[in-house]
Amino acid sequence: MSNLRIPGPTPCPPEVLKAMGWQMINHRGPQFAQYLKDVTSGLKTIFQTENDVLVLSASGTGGLEAAIVNTLSPGDKVLSVSIGVFGDRFATIARTYGAEVIPIKFEWGKAAEVAPIEDALKADPDIKAVLVTHNETSTGVTNDLEPIARVVKGAGKLLLVDAISSMGSINLPVDNWGLDVTVTGSQKGWMVPPGLTMLSVSPEAWKANREAKMPRFYFDFEKAKKYAEKGQTPWTPTVSVVYGLSVALKGLLEEGLENIFARHHKLAEMTRENVKSMGLKLFADEKYASDTVTSVAATNGLDGKLLTKIMREEYDIVLGGGQMSLEGKIFRIGHLGWVEEEDIRAVFIALKEALPKAGFKGA
């Protein structure tokens, strides 16, 4: 089996894969209703929320679209806080549905700063919502979301959060920070294949939902809630992924939130220290470096694209490459979900041999 070290999809434990092979059941029957009830309860614990939590069949991007279309109307002003590819994607979705997007972009590799956000909100009181990515996998940066949330909620705005690659791996207390819609995806730290997006919806978001005019059908929060109350989903769900999530959640809840966060932080620290010890440079500002993925600059002659090819073909280790303007300029090491120290050590044993082959001249 390949050592899959990308920030999603992530490897799945054997018990999750076994569950994925269970026989199909009636998705309108009592057995599925119990699965959905148990999964929703477990998700609320990890989201640290009393808000409604909805489970939709889609990738994380579907969850971002759902957050937009269920809370906004065409013409609404939206402040988009972006630190990378996925922040830009969130803004594009809003723009596609007719929102007036006001972008605040920060240098890739850096975290968002609070002051420009606060200034933008003061400058335009008509802003309805703020879009922000908690953990930007394209750059390996985790935004310091708590002070951002404090400013946004202090201004009385909706806060829509992309937590696709952080929720379940990095501490994100939804209720304490006042997050209105928080989106994650099954293929990240949840250790389950792609196919589900899970999101929380606050009372303020529900109020916005009643007024929102953007078109929606498949991703309708109101329909999803109505059906969830009777243990169903509006449309045919990815039943097998629900099976897998039910098993994965059981393990996560047994491990406990603090232990989950500590495990991811320990692996991230181990990864970063190994990167530096090899004469490589971290791409992300280390103060805000992600605990789920480490981005490494391709410097000193290193060909980032060639490196990922060599690692894959010669060592059976799959690393993430750079995206968009970062293509070939960085490589990324995922360390979220079902991953152990042994998996990380294997990466650096291989890198020691592969780096010179990809042109790296050393420190």
Protein backbone atom coordinates (compact mmCIF):
# COMPACT_ATOMS: atom_id res chain seq x y z
CA MET A 1 0.00 0.00 0.00
CA SER A 2 1.29 3.45 -0.91
CA ASN A 3 2.23 5.81 1.88
CA LEU A 4 -0.44 8.41 1.02
CA ARG A 5 0.85 11.68 2.45
CA ILE A 6 -1.46 14.21 0.85
CA PRO A 7 -3.94 16.36 2.80
CA GLY A 8 -6.90 14.36 1.52
CA PRO A 9 -8.21 11.92 0.73
CA THR A 10 -6.42 10.28 3.62
CA PRO A 11 -5.82 6.59 4.39
CA CYS A 12 -8.66 4.72 6.09
CA PRO A 13 -8.25 2.28 9.00
CA PRO A 14 -9.10 -1.37 8.25
CA GLU A 15 -12.23 -1.26 10.41
CA VAL A 16 -13.55 1.69 8.39
CA LEU A 17 -12.88 -0.08 5.09
CA LYS A 18 -14.60 -3.19 6.42
CA ALA A 19 -17.65 -1.16 7.38
CA MET A 20 -17.74 0.36 3.89
CA GLY A 21 -18.40 -3.14 2.55
CA TRP A 22 -21.50 -3.76 4.63
CA GLN A 23 -24.64 -4.65 2.71
CA MET A 24 -26.99 -1.84 1.66
CA ILE A 25 -30.05 -1.06 3.78
CA ASN A 26 -33.20 0.97 3.29
CA HIS A 27 -32.15 4.60 3.59
CA ARG A 28 -35.74 5.40 4.62
CA GLY A 29 -35.84 2.72 7.31
CA PRO A 30 -35.16 2.62 11.06
CA GLN A 31 -31.70 1.06 10.75
CA PHE A 32 -30.33 3.94 8.69
CA ALA A 33 -32.14 6.41 10.95
CA GLN A 34 -30.13 5.08 13.89
CA TYR A 35 -26.86 5.41 11.98
CA LEU A 36 -27.69 9.00 11.06
CA LYS A 37 -28.70 9.82 14.63
CA ASP A 38 -25.48 8.36 16.06
CA VAL A 39 -23.28 10.06 13.47
CA THR A 40 -24.93 13.43 14.04
CA SER A 41 -24.50 13.13 17.80
CA GLY A 42 -20.80 12.29 17.43
CA LEU A 43 -20.25 15.15 15.01
CA LYS A 44 -21.80 17.62 17.45
CA THR A 45 -19.30 16.53 20.09
CA ILE A 46 -16.32 17.08 17.81
CA PHE A 47 -17.73 20.32 16.38
CA GLN A 48 -18.19 21.39 20.01
CA THR A 49 -21.65 22.69 19.21
CA GLU A 50 -25.29 22.59 20.20
CA ASN A 51 -26.20 23.92 16.75
CA ASP A 52 -27.88 21.78 14.13
CA VAL A 53 -25.42 19.55 12.28
CA LEU A 54 -26.38 18.36 8.81
CA VAL A 55 -24.86 15.51 6.81
CA LEU A 56 -24.99 15.96 3.03
CA SER A 57 -23.72 13.66 0.30
CA ALA A 58 -21.06 15.71 -1.50
CA SER A 59 -17.42 16.69 -1.31
CA GLY A 60 -16.35 19.59 0.88
CA THR A 61 -16.83 22.00 -2.00
CA GLY A 62 -20.49 21.01 -2.04
CA GLY A 63 -20.62 22.04 1.61
CA LEU A 64 -19.14 25.44 0.76
CA GLU A 65 -21.75 25.91 -1.95
CA ALA A 66 -24.46 24.92 0.52
CA ALA A 67 -23.19 27.49 3.03
CA ILE A 68 -23.41 30.23 0.40
CA VAL A 69 -26.77 29.47 -1.20
CA ASN A 70 -28.58 28.85 2.09
CA THR A 71 -27.64 32.11 3.78
CA LEU A 72 -27.31 34.73 1.02
CA SER A 73 -29.24 36.42 -1.76
CA PRO A 74 -27.98 37.70 -5.12
CA GLY A 75 -26.49 41.15 -4.65
CA ASP A 76 -25.51 40.60 -1.01
CA LYS A 77 -22.11 41.99 -0.14
CA VAL A 78 -19.67 39.36 1.06
CA LEU A 79 -16.21 39.92 2.50
CA SER A 80 -13.89 37.17 1.30
CA VAL A 81 -10.78 36.51 3.40
CA SER A 82 -8.35 34.43 1.35
CA ILE A 83 -4.88 33.07 2.05
CA GLY A 84 -4.73 30.54 -0.78
CA VAL A 85 -6.44 28.43 -3.43
CA PHE A 86 -9.36 27.31 -1.31
CA GLY A 87 -10.08 30.76 0.04
CA ASP A 88 -10.28 31.92 -3.57
CA ARG A 89 -12.61 29.02 -4.38
CA PHE A 90 -15.02 30.00 -1.59
CA ALA A 91 -15.19 33.51 -3.07
CA THR A 92 -15.74 32.15 -6.57
CA ILE A 93 -18.74 30.13 -5.42
CA ALA A 94 -20.29 33.23 -3.84
CA ARG A 95 -19.63 35.28 -6.98
CA THR A 96 -21.11 32.55 -9.19
CA TYR A 97 -24.42 32.81 -7.34
CA GLY A 98 -24.55 36.57 -7.67
CA ALA A 99 -23.01 37.84 -4.44
CA GLU A 100 -20.97 41.03 -4.58
CA VAL A 101 -17.60 39.79 -3.34
CA ILE A 102 -15.20 42.16 -1.63
CA PRO A 103 -11.85 40.35 -1.55
CA ILE A 104 -9.16 40.65 1.09
CA LYS A 105 -6.18 38.60 -0.02
CA PHE A 106 -3.10 37.90 2.04
CA GLU A 107 0.29 36.70 0.84
CA TRP A 108 0.32 32.95 0.30
CA GLY A 109 2.20 31.31 3.15
CA LYS A 110 0.97 33.94 5.62
CA ALA A 111 -2.09 33.98 7.87
CA ALA A 112 -4.90 36.51 7.65
CA GLU A 113 -4.53 39.63 9.77
CA VAL A 114 -7.41 40.91 11.85
CA ALA A 115 -6.96 44.66 11.32
CA PRO A 116 -7.73 44.75 7.56
CA ILE A 117 -10.84 42.65 8.17
CA GLU A 118 -12.01 44.99 10.90
CA ASP A 119 -11.30 48.02 8.70
CA ALA A 120 -13.25 46.54 5.79
CA LEU A 121 -16.26 45.84 7.99
CA LYS A 122 -16.21 49.37 9.36
CA ALA A 123 -15.85 50.86 5.89
CA ASP A 124 -18.91 49.06 4.49
CA PRO A 125 -21.77 48.41 6.93
CA ASP A 126 -23.76 46.69 4.14
CA ILE A 127 -21.51 43.61 4.21
CA LYS A 128 -23.75 40.65 5.04
CA ALA A 129 -21.27 37.83 5.60
CA VAL A 130 -17.57 36.99 5.89
CA LEU A 131 -16.03 33.93 4.24
CA VAL A 132 -12.86 32.52 5.75
CA THR A 133 -10.81 29.33 5.50
CA HIS A 134 -9.67 27.98 8.85
CA ASN A 135 -6.94 25.72 7.49
CA GLU A 136 -5.59 26.43 3.99
CA THR A 137 -4.12 23.19 2.65
CA SER A 138 -2.71 24.80 -0.49
CA THR A 139 -0.21 26.77 1.63
CA GLY A 140 -0.10 24.81 4.89
CA VAL A 141 -1.37 27.71 7.01
CA THR A 142 -3.97 27.73 9.79
CA ASN A 143 -5.67 31.06 10.36
CA ASP A 144 -5.96 32.32 13.92
CA LEU A 145 -9.72 32.22 13.67
CA GLU A 146 -10.79 33.20 17.18
CA PRO A 147 -9.87 36.92 16.95
CA ILE A 148 -11.26 37.05 13.40
CA ALA A 149 -14.53 35.57 14.65
CA ARG A 150 -14.65 38.07 17.49
CA VAL A 151 -14.39 41.00 15.07
CA VAL A 152 -16.88 39.55 12.59
CA LYS A 153 -19.49 38.68 15.18
CA GLY A 154 -18.88 41.96 16.99
CA ALA A 155 -19.86 43.69 13.77
CA GLY A 156 -23.04 41.60 13.57
CA LYS A 157 -22.08 39.72 10.40
CA LEU A 158 -22.54 36.10 9.39
CA LEU A 159 -19.36 34.04 9.56
CA LEU A 160 -19.10 31.17 7.08
CA VAL A 161 -16.09 28.92 7.69
CA ASP A 162 -14.29 26.41 5.51
CA ALA A 163 -13.05 23.91 8.10
CA ILE A 164 -12.80 21.07 5.60
CA SER A 165 -9.22 20.12 6.48
CA SER A 166 -9.19 21.18 10.13
CA MET A 167 -12.36 20.03 11.87
CA GLY A 168 -11.69 16.74 13.61
CA SER A 169 -7.93 17.41 13.68
CA ILE A 170 -7.40 20.95 15.00
CA ASN A 171 -9.33 22.57 17.83
CA LEU A 172 -12.29 24.53 16.46
CA PRO A 173 -14.97 25.24 19.10
CA VAL A 174 -17.91 26.30 16.95
CA ASP A 175 -20.15 27.64 19.71
CA ASN A 176 -17.45 29.38 21.74
CA TRP A 177 -16.26 31.27 18.67
CA GLY A 178 -19.74 31.99 17.30
CA LEU A 179 -19.30 30.38 13.88
CA ASP A 180 -22.49 30.44 11.82
CA VAL A 181 -21.89 27.79 9.15
CA THR A 182 -18.87 25.52 9.55
CA VAL A 183 -18.10 23.01 6.80
CA THR A 184 -15.93 19.90 6.79
CA GLY A 185 -15.45 16.84 4.55
CA SER A 186 -15.28 13.12 5.30
CA GLN A 187 -12.02 12.50 3.44
CA LYS A 188 -9.80 14.53 5.78
CA GLY A 189 -9.10 13.92 9.48
CA TRP A 190 -12.25 11.83 9.77
CA MET A 191 -10.41 8.86 8.15
CA VAL A 192 -13.29 8.08 5.81
CA PRO A 193 -13.45 8.08 1.98
CA PRO A 194 -14.80 11.12 0.12
CA GLY A 195 -18.55 11.43 -0.19
CA LEU A 196 -19.91 13.36 2.79
CA THR A 197 -19.82 17.00 3.79
CA MET A 198 -20.85 17.74 7.36
CA LEU A 199 -21.74 21.22 8.55
CA SER A 200 -23.13 23.09 11.53
CA VAL A 201 -25.80 25.77 11.23
CA SER A 202 -26.27 28.42 13.94
CA PRO A 203 -29.57 30.13 14.87
CA GLU A 204 -28.32 33.28 13.08
CA ALA A 205 -27.64 31.20 9.97
CA TRP A 206 -31.15 29.77 10.13
CA LYS A 207 -32.53 33.30 10.35
CA ALA A 208 -30.52 34.23 7.26
CA ASN A 209 -31.75 31.05 5.58
CA ARG A 210 -35.36 32.18 5.87
CA GLU A 211 -34.51 35.37 3.96
CA ALA A 212 -31.97 33.95 1.48
CA LYS A 213 -32.98 34.05 -2.18
CA MET A 214 -30.14 32.23 -3.93
CA PRO A 215 -31.39 29.20 -5.90
CA ARG A 216 -30.93 25.84 -4.26
CA PHE A 217 -32.39 22.37 -4.54
CA TYR A 218 -30.03 19.51 -3.70
CA PHE A 219 -28.25 21.54 -1.00
CA ASP A 220 -31.35 22.95 0.71
CA PHE A 221 -30.72 23.23 4.47
CA GLU A 222 -34.43 23.38 5.28
CA LYS A 223 -35.11 20.12 3.45
CA ALA A 224 -32.05 18.50 5.04
CA LYS A 225 -33.18 19.47 8.55
CA LYS A 226 -36.77 18.38 7.95
CA TYR A 227 -35.65 14.94 6.80
CA ALA A 228 -32.96 14.62 9.49
CA GLU A 229 -35.65 15.00 12.14
CA LYS A 230 -37.11 11.70 10.97
CA GLY A 231 -33.74 10.02 10.49
CA GLN A 232 -33.44 10.50 6.76
CA THR A 233 -31.80 12.63 4.11
CA PRO A 234 -33.80 14.36 1.35
CA TRP A 235 -31.99 12.50 -1.41
CA THR A 236 -30.31 9.10 -1.57
CA PRO A 237 -27.25 9.31 0.71
CA THR A 238 -23.84 7.69 0.30
CA VAL A 239 -24.86 4.92 2.68
CA SER A 240 -21.50 3.16 2.71
CA VAL A 241 -19.66 6.34 3.71
CA VAL A 242 -22.13 6.84 6.56
CA TYR A 243 -21.23 3.31 7.70
CA GLY A 244 -17.55 4.21 7.62
CA LEU A 245 -18.08 7.50 9.43
CA SER A 246 -20.03 5.76 12.19
CA VAL A 247 -17.06 3.49 12.86
CA ALA A 248 -14.46 6.25 12.55
CA LEU A 249 -16.38 8.51 14.94
CA LYS A 250 -16.53 5.79 17.54
CA GLY A 251 -12.72 5.62 17.54
CA LEU A 252 -12.31 9.41 17.59
CA LEU A 253 -14.70 9.82 20.51
CA GLU A 254 -12.89 7.11 22.44
CA GLU A 255 -9.59 8.89 21.81
CA GLY A 256 -11.04 12.21 23.00
CA LEU A 257 -10.73 15.71 21.59
CA GLU A 258 -7.66 16.82 23.50
CA ASN A 259 -5.77 13.66 22.53
CA ILE A 260 -6.77 14.06 18.86
CA PHE A 261 -5.48 17.63 18.77
CA ALA A 262 -2.29 16.72 20.64
CA ARG A 263 -1.60 13.80 18.28
CA HIS A 264 -1.89 15.98 15.21
CA HIS A 265 0.28 18.69 16.74
CA LYS A 266 2.97 16.19 17.69
CA LEU A 267 3.10 14.75 14.16
CA ALA A 268 3.19 18.25 12.67
CA GLU A 269 6.07 19.27 14.92
CA MET A 270 7.93 16.10 14.02
CA THR A 271 7.42 16.82 10.32
CA ARG A 272 8.56 20.44 10.56
CA GLU A 273 11.67 19.56 12.56
CA ASN A 274 12.64 16.90 10.03
CA VAL A 275 12.13 19.35 7.17
CA LYS A 276 14.49 21.87 8.76
CA SER A 277 17.06 19.24 9.70
CA MET A 278 17.45 18.33 6.02
CA GLY A 279 18.28 21.89 5.02
CA LEU A 280 14.84 22.46 3.53
CA LYS A 281 12.78 25.58 4.23
CA LEU A 282 9.21 25.68 5.42
CA PHE A 283 6.97 27.65 3.07
CA ALA A 284 4.34 28.61 5.65
CA ASP A 285 4.95 31.13 8.38
CA GLU A 286 5.90 28.73 11.16
CA LYS A 287 3.85 30.67 13.74
CA TYR A 288 0.72 29.65 11.81
CA ALA A 289 1.92 26.38 10.30
CA SER A 290 -0.84 23.81 9.94
CA ASP A 291 -1.08 20.71 12.10
CA THR A 292 -2.60 18.76 9.21
CA VAL A 293 -0.25 19.54 6.31
CA THR A 294 3.28 20.90 6.03
CA SER A 295 4.31 22.96 3.00
CA VAL A 296 7.96 22.92 1.99
CA ALA A 297 9.64 25.43 -0.33
CA ALA A 298 11.42 24.05 -3.38
CA THR A 299 14.69 25.97 -3.03
CA ASN A 300 18.38 25.39 -3.70
CA GLY A 301 17.83 23.84 -7.13
CA LEU A 302 14.98 21.55 -6.08
CA ASP A 303 12.42 20.72 -8.77
CA GLY A 304 9.23 20.23 -6.76
CA LYS A 305 7.32 18.46 -9.53
CA LEU A 306 10.20 16.07 -10.21
CA LEU A 307 10.52 15.33 -6.50
CA THR A 308 6.88 14.26 -6.11
CA LYS A 309 7.27 12.08 -9.23
CA ILE A 310 10.40 10.37 -7.88
CA MET A 311 8.84 9.83 -4.46
CA ARG A 312 5.76 8.27 -6.03
CA GLU A 313 7.44 6.09 -8.64
CA GLU A 314 10.57 4.99 -6.78
CA TYR A 315 9.48 4.98 -3.13
CA ASP A 316 5.69 4.52 -3.31
CA ILE A 317 5.19 7.66 -1.22
CA VAL A 318 2.60 10.13 -2.49
CA LEU A 319 3.24 13.77 -1.59
CA GLY A 320 1.15 16.80 -2.50
CA GLY A 321 2.46 19.26 -5.04
CA GLY A 322 1.98 23.01 -5.27
CA GLN A 323 -1.24 24.37 -6.71
CA MET A 324 -1.86 27.24 -9.11
CA SER A 325 1.01 29.77 -8.85
CA LEU A 326 2.81 27.45 -6.42
CA GLU A 327 3.05 24.55 -8.89
CA GLY A 328 6.59 23.21 -8.77
CA LYS A 329 7.54 25.75 -6.11
CA ILE A 330 6.50 23.79 -3.03
CA PHE A 331 5.64 20.25 -2.02
CA ARG A 332 3.32 19.24 0.78
CA ILE A 333 3.31 16.47 3.37
CA GLY A 334 -0.06 15.52 4.82
CA HIS A 335 -0.20 14.29 8.40
CA LEU A 336 -3.86 14.11 9.34
CA GLY A 337 -6.25 11.33 10.16
CA TRP A 338 -4.96 7.76 10.26
CA VAL A 339 -1.22 8.42 10.37
CA GLU A 340 1.56 7.35 12.72
CA GLU A 341 5.14 8.44 13.39
CA GLU A 342 6.36 5.47 11.34
CA ASP A 343 4.63 6.89 8.24
CA ILE A 344 6.36 10.25 8.69
CA ARG A 345 9.76 8.67 9.31
CA ALA A 346 9.40 6.72 6.07
CA VAL A 347 8.87 9.97 4.18
CA PHE A 348 12.14 11.46 5.37
CA ILE A 349 14.15 8.28 4.87
CA ALA A 350 13.04 8.37 1.23
CA LEU A 351 13.50 12.14 0.91
CA LYS A 352 17.15 11.80 1.92
CA GLU A 353 17.75 9.79 -1.25
CA ALA A 354 15.22 11.51 -3.50
CA LEU A 355 16.17 15.15 -2.92
CA PRO A 356 19.53 15.05 -4.75
CA LYS A 357 17.88 13.21 -7.64
CA ALA A 358 15.44 16.13 -7.93
CA GLY A 359 18.21 18.73 -8.03
CA PHE A 360 18.42 19.77 -4.37
CA LYS A 361 21.87 21.20 -3.59
CA GLY A 362 21.52 21.18 0.17
CA ALA A 363 21.52 24.08 2.61
